[in-house]
Amino acid sequence: MSQRVVVIGGGLGGLAAAAVAAARGHKVTLLDKNAWLGGKCAVLSLDAPDGSGSFRFDMGPTILTVPRVLRRIFAEAGRDQATDLPLIRLDPQWRCFFEDGTRIDLMEDVDRMAAEMDRFAPGTNQGAGYRRLQAEAENLHRVSENFFFWKPVEGIADTLNFKANLNPDTLKDVLSLKMGRTVAKVIRGHVPDARLAQMLDHYCQYVGSSPYLAPAVLTSIADMQAHEGVWYPVGGTRAVAEGLAKLAGDLGADLRPGVEVTGFDIVDGAVKAVVTATGEKIPCDAVISNMDAIRTYRELVGGEPARKYDGKGFEPACSGVVLYLGLKKRYDHLAHHCFVFSRDAEEEFDAIYKKGEPAPDPTAYLAATSCSDDTSAPPGGEALYVLVHTPHLRPGHDWSKMFAPYRQKILDKLKRTAGMEDIEERIVVESQLTPVDIHNRYKVLDGAIYGLASHGSFMGAFKPGNRSKVVKGLYLCGGAAHPGPGMPMVMMSGWIAADAMDTDAGGRGMSERARQAGRRDRELPAAAE
């Protein structure tokens, strides 16, 4: 049965939801308060002062993994993602710089990476430990696929039917989740070298969380990256938003930027319409909110549902400072993605996540896109993206005063640790985002880039569910909804929300083509036989 569906927010989750819902025959209207679609997946262009061209920056996410999520979304419409949205595979995946002057590349192939770890830390058997870690991550990825992915989940009861499913194999899978252990503990149990462990810790930064507080199941990200790769969309990650918007539009979705939703019309516990800032009331049968889940309940639903979710103790993920630096000359020793690591991982994460203070010696993530795309900067130059994670906004944080000294701390870090001693001389144009900018620009909770933190060694992987349990007809997606933040998970959340809505409406369901497109790469040959 066709539904009138309003999607609130045109981030990657909302665009994915709009495309899937439209592909399944529903009448979709997407509203976004900003003048552009794509949410954080926006683009910034800065002109070079000498007139030689412009620097193009992806403003938000820059690392794309698990491309099968995109494959499934495009396959829902009978389209081929590789044709519509071509991707470039990156290997090495990251280049890592450490405070002691050493560096290592994170490579896709597990055996090559293990051999490189043995070269990096000879005589310590780190390579064998890495292989064991990857085997454990592969199993956790399989369990995640079975119990967490592609389905609307809010808690453990949504993943397991205890009466039907508690057979020996299921119990074995539950035990393999290592509830009660953290990512950091699992990593160091296999790879104790502090530098290599720090490199592997940063899978957790895809979800804006501390490895010392995040549950062991998130170690599965290591397998996703090793077996499914790191990718650069041709034209930058902005191309993903543009591709999804075009797909949704081609399928008949009404995409309306510049329209802010300020409330819902809820009758007998069911959403019947959305209300915009101009007073327009748009009738609907269902709403998919890509707005932050907690702010959706707090600002659009209100009442007891808002109090319920406020009382669940969800914690905002970290925020960040982003520098967009147009350099007149690129650094040849940088890879497309780089991490410039802090002197002490525990000190860094303790400052950000426990003390609520900017790290005294932060890790900086760099995207030097000219390595793969010479259209992103004038000839010989670099559009350098620099991200340093910070606490989410706390009382007393005044970034109008904090930014300038912290910018200098970041640049000093790059000079000292990444061999970029003359960076200030190379900068010809720049811009920035602070946590306050992120909070205001994207309607996220306390400036949290990644939605809600995945903290808690037992239940930290769970977020507000995609199918609301308190408002009929309300579905949620985005980084603050299941399965959480990061480009593939956000897009998966949009698919899940649209699929749940379609299922509840008695819709057509997923096609076999889409089902196959979303399978893990290692399963595809078996599926084709």
Protein backbone atom coordinates (compact mmCIF):
# COMPACT_ATOMS: atom_id res chain seq x y z
CA MET A 1 0.00 0.00 0.00
CA SER A 2 1.44 3.37 -1.03
CA GLN A 3 2.09 5.81 1.80
CA ARG A 4 2.52 9.57 1.94
CA VAL A 5 5.95 9.84 3.55
CA VAL A 6 7.68 12.99 4.77
CA VAL A 7 11.43 12.73 5.30
CA ILE A 8 12.84 15.37 7.66
CA GLY A 9 16.47 16.19 6.90
CA GLY A 10 18.42 15.65 3.71
CA GLY A 11 21.59 14.19 5.15
CA LEU A 12 22.86 10.88 3.79
CA GLY A 13 20.40 8.93 5.96
CA GLY A 14 17.43 11.00 4.84
CA LEU A 15 18.43 10.86 1.17
CA ALA A 16 18.89 7.09 1.38
CA ALA A 17 15.49 6.72 3.05
CA ALA A 18 13.82 8.93 0.44
CA ALA A 19 15.35 6.96 -2.43
CA VAL A 20 14.37 3.56 -1.00
CA ALA A 21 10.85 4.64 -0.06
CA ALA A 22 10.32 6.15 -3.52
CA ALA A 23 11.77 3.06 -5.19
CA ARG A 24 9.14 0.98 -3.41
CA GLY A 25 6.32 3.13 -4.71
CA HIS A 26 5.62 5.53 -1.86
CA LYS A 27 4.95 9.24 -2.34
CA VAL A 28 7.92 10.99 -0.74
CA THR A 29 8.46 14.61 0.27
CA LEU A 30 11.86 15.47 1.74
CA LEU A 31 12.33 18.70 3.72
CA ASP A 32 15.63 20.20 4.88
CA LYS A 33 16.15 23.45 6.76
CA ASN A 34 19.37 24.19 4.90
CA ALA A 35 19.64 25.56 1.39
CA TRP A 36 21.48 22.42 0.24
CA LEU A 37 20.86 18.69 0.46
CA GLY A 38 23.40 16.32 1.92
CA GLY A 39 23.68 17.54 5.52
CA LYS A 40 27.27 17.28 6.72
CA CYS A 41 28.17 15.87 3.31
CA ALA A 42 28.48 19.42 1.98
CA VAL A 43 31.15 21.08 -0.13
CA LEU A 44 33.25 24.21 0.45
CA SER A 45 35.06 26.07 -2.32
CA LEU A 46 37.71 28.70 -1.54
CA ASP A 47 39.30 30.73 -4.31
CA ALA A 48 43.07 30.96 -4.47
CA PRO A 49 44.16 34.58 -3.95
CA ASP A 50 46.35 34.52 -7.07
CA GLY A 51 43.45 33.56 -9.31
CA SER A 52 44.96 30.17 -10.18
CA GLY A 53 41.77 28.30 -9.34
CA SER A 54 39.82 27.14 -6.32
CA PHE A 55 40.24 24.65 -3.50
CA ARG A 56 37.36 22.19 -3.09
CA PHE A 57 36.81 20.60 0.31
CA ASP A 58 34.38 17.93 1.47
CA MET A 59 33.13 19.62 4.64
CA GLY A 60 32.05 16.55 6.56
CA PRO A 61 32.74 12.83 6.11
CA THR A 62 35.72 11.95 3.94
CA ILE A 63 36.22 8.17 4.42
CA LEU A 64 33.79 5.81 2.67
CA THR A 65 33.72 2.14 3.63
CA VAL A 66 31.26 -0.76 3.13
CA PRO A 67 30.18 0.27 -0.39
CA ARG A 68 27.62 -2.55 -0.55
CA VAL A 69 25.24 -0.29 1.39
CA LEU A 70 25.24 2.07 -1.58
CA ARG A 71 24.99 -0.89 -3.96
CA ARG A 72 21.79 -2.04 -2.25
CA ILE A 73 20.21 1.43 -2.22
CA PHE A 74 20.82 1.88 -5.96
CA ALA A 75 19.71 -1.69 -6.67
CA GLU A 76 16.37 -0.94 -4.98
CA ALA A 77 15.70 1.24 -8.03
CA GLY A 78 17.15 -1.25 -10.48
CA ARG A 79 20.22 0.92 -10.93
CA ASP A 80 23.94 0.11 -10.84
CA GLN A 81 25.87 2.10 -8.25
CA ALA A 82 29.23 1.61 -10.00
CA THR A 83 27.83 3.28 -13.12
CA ASP A 84 25.91 6.07 -11.40
CA LEU A 85 28.41 6.75 -8.62
CA PRO A 86 31.93 5.48 -9.45
CA LEU A 87 34.35 4.87 -6.57
CA ILE A 88 38.16 4.68 -6.38
CA ARG A 89 39.67 2.07 -4.05
CA LEU A 90 42.44 3.43 -1.81
CA ASP A 91 45.38 1.32 -0.66
CA PRO A 92 47.18 2.21 1.57
CA GLN A 93 44.08 3.11 3.48
CA TRP A 94 45.79 5.44 5.97
CA ARG A 95 49.29 6.75 6.57
CA CYS A 96 50.13 6.99 10.26
CA PHE A 97 52.59 9.40 11.88
CA PHE A 98 53.70 8.92 15.48
CA GLU A 99 55.24 11.25 18.02
CA ASP A 100 58.53 9.28 18.07
CA GLY A 101 59.07 10.00 14.36
CA THR A 102 58.03 6.56 13.10
CA ARG A 103 55.36 6.02 10.46
CA ILE A 104 53.45 3.09 8.99
CA ASP A 105 50.80 2.59 6.33
CA LEU A 106 47.59 0.71 7.08
CA MET A 107 47.13 -1.66 4.14
CA GLU A 108 44.06 -3.57 3.08
CA ASP A 109 45.58 -7.04 2.77
CA VAL A 110 45.82 -8.68 6.19
CA ASP A 111 48.95 -10.72 5.44
CA ARG A 112 50.81 -7.73 3.96
CA MET A 113 49.80 -5.64 6.96
CA ALA A 114 50.92 -8.32 9.39
CA ALA A 115 54.32 -8.52 7.68
CA GLU A 116 54.65 -4.73 7.80
CA MET A 117 53.84 -4.76 11.54
CA ASP A 118 56.63 -7.29 12.10
CA ARG A 119 59.01 -4.99 10.22
CA PHE A 120 57.80 -1.98 12.21
CA ALA A 121 58.19 -3.66 15.62
CA PRO A 122 60.68 -6.50 15.05
CA GLY A 123 60.86 -9.42 17.42
CA THR A 124 57.53 -8.68 19.13
CA ASN A 125 55.23 -10.94 17.07
CA GLN A 126 52.76 -8.14 16.35
CA GLY A 127 51.89 -9.63 12.93
CA ALA A 128 50.57 -12.88 14.37
CA GLY A 129 48.55 -10.89 16.88
CA TYR A 130 47.11 -8.79 14.08
CA ARG A 131 45.99 -11.90 12.23
CA ARG A 132 44.25 -13.13 15.39
CA LEU A 133 42.61 -9.73 15.86
CA GLN A 134 41.34 -9.77 12.28
CA ALA A 135 39.93 -13.28 12.71
CA GLU A 136 38.06 -12.08 15.79
CA ALA A 137 36.88 -8.97 13.94
CA GLU A 138 35.63 -11.12 11.06
CA ASN A 139 33.52 -13.19 13.43
CA LEU A 140 32.14 -10.05 15.11
CA HIS A 141 31.28 -8.66 11.67
CA ARG A 142 29.39 -11.87 10.85
CA VAL A 143 27.48 -11.68 14.14
CA SER A 144 26.70 -8.00 13.52
CA GLU A 145 25.37 -8.87 10.07
CA ASN A 146 23.12 -11.54 11.56
CA PHE A 147 21.76 -9.64 14.54
CA PHE A 148 22.26 -5.87 14.15
CA PHE A 149 22.46 -4.81 10.51
CA TRP A 150 19.60 -4.21 8.07
CA LYS A 151 16.90 -4.36 10.74
CA PRO A 152 15.24 -1.85 13.11
CA VAL A 153 16.89 -2.30 16.49
CA GLU A 154 16.77 -0.41 19.79
CA GLY A 155 17.85 -3.03 22.30
CA ILE A 156 18.94 -6.63 22.70
CA ALA A 157 15.32 -7.83 22.64
CA ASP A 158 14.98 -6.52 19.08
CA THR A 159 17.89 -8.65 17.88
CA LEU A 160 17.13 -11.94 19.61
CA ASN A 161 13.95 -13.94 19.98
CA PHE A 162 15.01 -15.60 23.20
CA LYS A 163 12.44 -18.40 23.01
CA ALA A 164 13.11 -19.24 19.37
CA ASN A 165 16.76 -18.39 18.95
CA LEU A 166 18.61 -19.50 22.05
CA ASN A 167 20.10 -22.57 20.42
CA PRO A 168 23.77 -23.50 20.91
CA ASP A 169 24.94 -21.60 17.79
CA THR A 170 23.14 -18.42 18.85
CA LEU A 171 24.49 -18.67 22.38
CA LYS A 172 27.99 -19.06 20.91
CA ASP A 173 27.47 -15.89 18.86
CA VAL A 174 26.19 -13.96 21.87
CA LEU A 175 29.21 -15.02 23.91
CA SER A 176 31.53 -13.99 21.07
CA LEU A 177 30.32 -10.40 21.45
CA LYS A 178 32.50 -10.24 24.58
CA MET A 179 30.02 -8.06 26.42
CA GLY A 180 31.81 -6.38 29.27
CA ARG A 181 35.03 -5.85 27.29
CA THR A 182 36.06 -2.72 25.42
CA VAL A 183 37.59 -2.22 21.99
CA ALA A 184 40.88 -1.08 23.53
CA LYS A 185 41.12 -4.20 25.66
CA VAL A 186 40.47 -6.50 22.70
CA ILE A 187 43.02 -4.71 20.51
CA ARG A 188 45.76 -4.70 23.15
CA GLY A 189 45.11 -8.35 23.89
CA HIS A 190 46.35 -9.11 20.38
CA VAL A 191 48.52 -6.12 19.36
CA PRO A 192 50.21 -4.68 22.46
CA ASP A 193 52.62 -2.29 20.70
CA ALA A 194 51.35 1.11 21.83
CA ARG A 195 51.73 2.73 18.41
CA LEU A 196 50.04 -0.05 16.46
CA ALA A 197 47.28 -0.31 19.04
CA GLN A 198 46.73 3.43 18.70
CA MET A 199 46.40 3.02 14.94
CA LEU A 200 43.78 0.30 15.38
CA ASP A 201 41.97 2.24 18.12
CA HIS A 202 40.96 4.81 15.56
CA TYR A 203 38.38 2.62 13.91
CA CYS A 204 36.33 3.86 16.88
CA GLN A 205 36.65 7.40 15.60
CA TYR A 206 34.28 6.52 12.76
CA VAL A 207 31.63 6.45 15.48
CA GLY A 208 32.99 9.34 17.56
CA SER A 209 33.71 7.21 20.61
CA SER A 210 36.55 6.26 22.90
CA PRO A 211 38.02 2.77 22.42
CA TYR A 212 38.44 2.65 26.19
CA LEU A 213 34.66 2.97 26.63
CA ALA A 214 33.22 1.41 23.45
CA PRO A 215 31.99 -2.22 23.39
CA ALA A 216 34.13 -4.98 21.87
CA VAL A 217 31.67 -5.58 19.01
CA LEU A 218 32.92 -2.38 17.33
CA THR A 219 36.18 -4.22 16.66
CA SER A 220 34.20 -5.60 13.71
CA ILE A 221 35.00 -2.35 11.86
CA ALA A 222 38.52 -3.70 11.35
CA ASP A 223 37.14 -6.55 9.25
CA MET A 224 34.78 -4.30 7.30
CA GLN A 225 37.73 -2.15 6.28
CA ALA A 226 40.11 -5.02 5.51
CA HIS A 227 37.65 -7.01 3.41
CA GLU A 228 35.50 -4.26 1.88
CA GLY A 229 38.07 -1.51 1.42
CA VAL A 230 38.34 2.26 1.76
CA TRP A 231 36.93 4.23 -1.15
CA TYR A 232 36.99 7.72 -2.61
CA PRO A 233 33.93 8.73 -4.67
CA VAL A 234 34.93 10.39 -7.93
CA GLY A 235 34.48 14.10 -7.25
CA GLY A 236 34.68 13.70 -3.46
CA THR A 237 32.28 12.41 -0.84
CA ARG A 238 29.92 15.22 -1.80
CA ALA A 239 29.25 13.08 -4.89
CA VAL A 240 27.50 10.53 -2.64
CA ALA A 241 24.95 13.10 -1.48
CA GLU A 242 24.47 14.35 -5.03
CA GLY A 243 24.08 10.81 -6.33
CA LEU A 244 21.47 9.89 -3.73
CA ALA A 245 19.58 13.14 -4.28
CA LYS A 246 19.49 12.53 -8.03
CA LEU A 247 18.35 8.95 -7.48
CA ALA A 248 15.52 10.03 -5.15
CA GLY A 249 14.49 12.83 -7.53
CA ASP A 250 14.52 10.51 -10.54
CA LEU A 251 12.18 8.20 -8.61
CA GLY A 252 9.69 11.01 -8.06
CA ALA A 253 10.58 12.25 -4.57
CA ASP A 254 9.78 15.94 -3.98
CA LEU A 255 13.03 17.37 -2.59
CA ARG A 256 12.53 20.70 -0.82
CA PRO A 257 15.60 22.39 0.72
CA GLY A 258 15.09 25.57 2.73
CA VAL A 259 12.06 24.23 4.61
CA GLU A 260 12.41 23.78 8.39
CA VAL A 261 10.13 21.44 10.31
CA THR A 262 9.17 22.73 13.76
CA GLY A 263 6.63 20.20 14.97
CA PHE A 264 4.37 17.22 14.40
CA ASP A 265 0.61 16.90 14.40
CA ILE A 266 0.11 13.78 16.54
CA VAL A 267 -3.39 12.36 16.95
CA ASP A 268 -4.09 9.34 19.20
CA GLY A 269 -0.38 8.57 19.38
CA ALA A 270 0.14 8.59 15.60
CA VAL A 271 1.81 11.23 13.46
CA LYS A 272 -0.61 12.74 10.95
CA ALA A 273 1.27 15.77 9.62
CA VAL A 274 4.44 17.82 9.96
CA VAL A 275 4.38 21.54 10.64
CA THR A 276 6.95 23.87 9.08
CA ALA A 277 8.43 27.13 10.35
CA THR A 278 6.06 29.04 8.03
CA GLY A 279 3.02 27.33 9.52
CA GLU A 280 2.44 24.99 6.58
CA LYS A 281 0.95 21.66 7.62
CA ILE A 282 1.89 18.74 5.36
CA PRO A 283 -0.36 15.68 5.84
CA CYS A 284 1.37 12.31 5.90
CA ASP A 285 0.97 8.66 6.79
CA ALA A 286 4.55 8.31 8.02
CA VAL A 287 7.56 10.44 8.92
CA ILE A 288 11.20 9.43 8.63
CA SER A 289 13.33 11.80 10.69
CA ASN A 290 16.98 12.25 9.76
CA MET A 291 17.23 14.94 12.43
CA ASP A 292 19.17 13.94 15.55
CA ALA A 293 17.01 11.30 17.28
CA ILE A 294 17.08 12.90 20.73
CA ARG A 295 16.31 16.34 19.29
CA THR A 296 13.50 14.81 17.22
CA TYR A 297 11.82 13.57 20.40
CA ARG A 298 12.70 16.67 22.40
CA GLU A 299 11.82 19.38 19.85
CA LEU A 300 9.29 17.82 17.47
CA VAL A 301 7.44 15.22 19.55
CA GLY A 302 7.69 16.58 23.09
CA GLY A 303 5.77 15.38 26.13
CA GLU A 304 6.28 11.95 27.66
CA PRO A 305 8.19 10.47 24.68
CA ALA A 306 10.75 13.28 24.97
CA ARG A 307 11.10 12.72 28.71
CA LYS A 308 11.52 8.99 28.12
CA TYR A 309 14.44 9.41 25.73
CA ASP A 310 16.02 12.19 27.76
CA GLY A 311 15.98 9.77 30.69
CA LYS A 312 17.76 6.96 28.86
CA GLY A 313 21.16 8.52 29.47
CA PHE A 314 22.31 8.70 25.88
CA GLU A 315 25.57 10.63 25.64
CA PRO A 316 26.47 12.86 22.69
CA ALA A 317 29.47 11.67 20.72
CA CYS A 318 32.48 13.91 20.37
CA SER A 319 32.55 17.09 18.36
CA GLY A 320 35.50 18.52 16.48
CA VAL A 321 37.43 21.39 15.02
CA VAL A 322 37.88 21.25 11.25
CA LEU A 323 40.45 23.33 9.39
CA TYR A 324 40.07 23.74 5.64
CA LEU A 325 43.53 24.80 4.47
CA GLY A 326 44.28 25.81 0.91
CA LEU A 327 48.01 25.17 0.42
CA LYS A 328 49.98 26.69 -2.46
CA LYS A 329 52.19 23.59 -2.50
CA ARG A 330 51.22 20.04 -1.57
CA TYR A 331 53.21 17.70 0.68
CA ASP A 332 54.43 14.72 -1.33
CA HIS A 333 54.89 12.53 1.74
CA LEU A 334 51.20 12.55 2.65
CA ALA A 335 48.77 9.83 1.57
CA HIS A 336 45.13 10.52 0.75
CA HIS A 337 44.18 9.74 4.37
CA CYS A 338 46.59 10.32 7.25
CA PHE A 339 46.49 10.17 11.04
CA VAL A 340 48.96 12.24 13.03
CA PHE A 341 48.73 10.55 16.39
CA SER A 342 48.84 12.00 19.87
CA ARG A 343 51.72 11.26 22.22
CA ASP A 344 49.45 9.25 24.57
CA ALA A 345 46.17 7.65 23.50
CA GLU A 346 44.80 7.25 27.01
CA GLU A 347 45.59 10.87 27.91
CA GLU A 348 43.86 12.06 24.72
CA PHE A 349 40.66 10.04 25.12
CA ASP A 350 40.47 10.76 28.85
CA ALA A 351 40.56 14.51 28.16
CA ILE A 352 37.90 14.41 25.43
CA TYR A 353 35.44 11.87 26.83
CA LYS A 354 35.89 11.99 30.61
CA LYS A 355 37.13 15.47 31.44
CA GLY A 356 35.28 17.21 28.62
CA GLU A 357 38.35 19.19 27.60
CA PRO A 358 40.23 19.53 24.29
CA ALA A 359 43.14 17.10 24.28
CA PRO A 360 46.46 18.65 25.30
CA ASP A 361 48.17 16.80 22.45
CA PRO A 362 45.49 15.84 19.92
CA THR A 363 45.41 13.33 17.10
CA ALA A 364 44.83 15.06 13.77
CA TYR A 365 43.16 13.35 10.82
CA LEU A 366 44.18 14.69 7.40
CA ALA A 367 42.56 14.29 4.00
CA ALA A 368 44.98 15.26 1.23
CA THR A 369 42.65 14.65 -1.68
CA SER A 370 45.05 15.78 -4.41
CA CYS A 371 46.66 12.35 -4.01
CA SER A 372 43.64 10.91 -5.83
CA ASP A 373 41.90 13.90 -7.38
CA ASP A 374 43.90 16.73 -8.90
CA THR A 375 40.69 18.72 -9.52
CA SER A 376 40.36 19.47 -5.80
CA ALA A 377 43.08 22.16 -5.80
CA PRO A 378 44.92 24.47 -8.21
CA PRO A 379 47.93 22.89 -9.97
CA GLY A 380 50.58 21.87 -7.44
CA GLY A 381 48.40 22.86 -4.48
CA GLU A 382 46.42 20.97 -1.86
CA ALA A 383 42.96 21.28 -0.35
CA LEU A 384 44.00 19.96 3.06
CA TYR A 385 41.22 18.91 5.41
CA VAL A 386 42.30 18.69 9.07
CA LEU A 387 39.98 17.26 11.74
CA VAL A 388 40.73 17.13 15.45
CA HIS A 389 38.15 15.62 17.75
CA THR A 390 37.04 17.70 20.73
CA PRO A 391 34.47 17.20 23.48
CA HIS A 392 30.84 17.88 22.63
CA LEU A 393 29.73 21.30 23.85
CA ARG A 394 29.87 21.75 27.61
CA PRO A 395 28.84 24.72 29.78
CA GLY A 396 31.68 27.22 29.71
CA HIS A 397 33.02 26.25 26.29
CA ASP A 398 33.47 29.50 24.38
CA TRP A 399 34.91 28.59 21.02
CA SER A 400 35.08 32.22 19.96
CA LYS A 401 37.97 32.42 22.44
CA MET A 402 39.15 28.81 22.36
CA PHE A 403 39.55 28.45 18.61
CA ALA A 404 42.63 30.57 17.86
CA PRO A 405 44.96 28.97 20.45
CA TYR A 406 43.69 25.49 19.58
CA ARG A 407 44.25 26.12 15.87
CA GLN A 408 47.87 26.93 16.72
CA LYS A 409 48.16 23.76 18.82
CA ILE A 410 46.95 21.74 15.82
CA LEU A 411 49.40 23.37 13.44
CA ASP A 412 52.24 22.87 15.90
CA LYS A 413 51.28 19.18 16.07
CA LEU A 414 51.50 18.86 12.28
CA LYS A 415 54.89 20.59 12.28
CA ARG A 416 56.30 18.42 15.05
CA THR A 417 54.92 15.00 14.16
CA ALA A 418 53.99 14.96 10.46
CA GLY A 419 57.01 16.67 8.88
CA MET A 420 55.02 19.75 7.89
CA GLU A 421 57.34 22.35 9.41
CA ASP A 422 56.50 25.10 6.92
CA ILE A 423 52.73 24.62 6.81
CA GLU A 424 51.97 28.18 7.87
CA GLU A 425 53.99 29.50 4.93
CA ARG A 426 52.06 27.26 2.52
CA ILE A 427 48.55 28.32 3.65
CA VAL A 428 47.06 30.84 1.21
CA VAL A 429 43.39 30.59 2.19
CA GLU A 430 41.47 28.86 4.97
CA SER A 431 38.18 28.37 6.75
CA GLN A 432 37.03 26.35 9.75
CA LEU A 433 34.21 24.75 11.71
CA THR A 434 34.03 24.68 15.50
CA PRO A 435 31.67 22.64 17.71
CA VAL A 436 29.33 25.65 17.89
CA ASP A 437 29.22 25.85 14.09
CA ILE A 438 28.47 22.13 13.86
CA HIS A 439 25.69 22.39 16.47
CA ASN A 440 23.98 25.28 14.70
CA ARG A 441 24.53 24.16 11.13
CA TYR A 442 23.35 20.55 11.40
CA LYS A 443 20.87 20.49 14.33
CA VAL A 444 22.91 17.85 16.11
CA LEU A 445 23.01 17.34 19.86
CA ASP A 446 25.58 19.60 21.57
CA GLY A 447 27.69 19.82 18.42
CA ALA A 448 28.22 16.06 18.29
CA ILE A 449 29.48 15.19 14.80
CA TYR A 450 28.62 11.51 15.12
CA GLY A 451 25.30 11.61 16.94
CA LEU A 452 25.37 9.52 20.11
CA ALA A 453 28.46 7.96 21.64
CA SER A 454 28.82 4.17 21.53
CA HIS A 455 29.91 3.95 25.16
CA GLY A 456 29.20 1.15 27.60
CA SER A 457 30.95 -2.19 27.30
CA PHE A 458 27.63 -4.07 27.54
CA MET A 459 24.98 -2.01 25.70
CA GLY A 460 27.02 0.78 24.11
CA ALA A 461 26.29 -0.35 20.55
CA PHE A 462 22.55 0.37 20.88
CA LYS A 463 20.95 3.64 19.75
CA PRO A 464 17.35 4.87 19.51
CA GLY A 465 15.50 2.49 17.21
CA ASN A 466 14.52 3.12 13.61
CA ARG A 467 10.86 2.32 14.30
CA SER A 468 9.57 4.54 17.09
CA LYS A 469 8.04 2.62 19.97
CA VAL A 470 6.19 5.68 21.28
CA VAL A 471 4.81 7.42 18.16
CA LYS A 472 3.08 5.36 15.49
CA GLY A 473 4.23 6.19 11.99
CA LEU A 474 7.52 7.77 13.13
CA TYR A 475 10.80 6.27 11.92
CA LEU A 476 14.33 7.48 12.58
CA CYS A 477 17.62 7.41 10.74
CA GLY A 478 21.01 9.12 10.86
CA GLY A 479 24.03 8.92 13.13
CA ALA A 480 21.95 9.18 16.31
CA ALA A 481 19.75 6.22 15.35
CA HIS A 482 20.53 2.52 14.86
CA PRO A 483 23.04 1.31 13.66
CA GLY A 484 24.91 4.57 14.37
CA PRO A 485 27.34 7.00 12.72
CA GLY A 486 29.77 6.72 9.84
CA MET A 487 28.84 7.04 6.17
CA PRO A 488 27.77 3.42 5.53
CA MET A 489 25.92 3.03 8.81
CA VAL A 490 24.05 6.32 8.34
CA MET A 491 22.95 5.25 4.87
CA MET A 492 22.04 1.81 6.21
CA SER A 493 19.90 3.52 8.86
CA GLY A 494 18.01 5.29 6.07
CA TRP A 495 17.46 2.00 4.29
CA ILE A 496 16.27 0.36 7.53
CA ALA A 497 13.83 3.18 8.31
CA ALA A 498 12.35 3.07 4.81
CA ASP A 499 12.19 -0.73 4.86
CA ALA A 500 10.44 -0.74 8.26
CA MET A 501 7.92 1.84 7.04
CA ASP A 502 7.31 -0.17 3.85
CA THR A 503 6.90 -3.41 5.82
CA ASP A 504 4.43 -1.80 8.23
CA ALA A 505 2.42 -0.48 5.26
CA GLY A 506 2.27 -3.90 3.61
CA GLY A 507 4.49 -2.65 0.79
CA ARG A 508 6.35 -4.48 -1.94
CA GLY A 509 9.46 -5.23 0.10
CA MET A 510 13.03 -5.63 -1.07
CA SER A 511 13.79 -6.99 -4.51
CA GLU A 512 16.08 -9.99 -4.94
CA ARG A 513 18.48 -7.78 -6.87
CA ALA A 514 18.76 -5.42 -3.89
CA ARG A 515 19.12 -8.35 -1.50
CA GLN A 516 22.08 -9.70 -3.42
CA ALA A 517 23.65 -6.26 -3.88
CA GLY A 518 23.84 -5.73 -0.12
CA ARG A 519 25.56 -9.01 0.68
CA ARG A 520 29.14 -9.05 1.92
CA ASP A 521 31.71 -9.33 -0.86
CA ARG A 522 33.00 -12.68 0.35
CA GLU A 523 29.47 -14.12 0.01
CA LEU A 524 28.91 -12.99 -3.58
CA PRO A 525 30.75 -15.80 -5.43
CA ALA A 526 28.79 -18.40 -3.46
CA ALA A 527 25.58 -16.51 -4.18
CA ALA A 528 26.34 -16.51 -7.92
CA GLU A 529 26.99 -20.26 -8.18
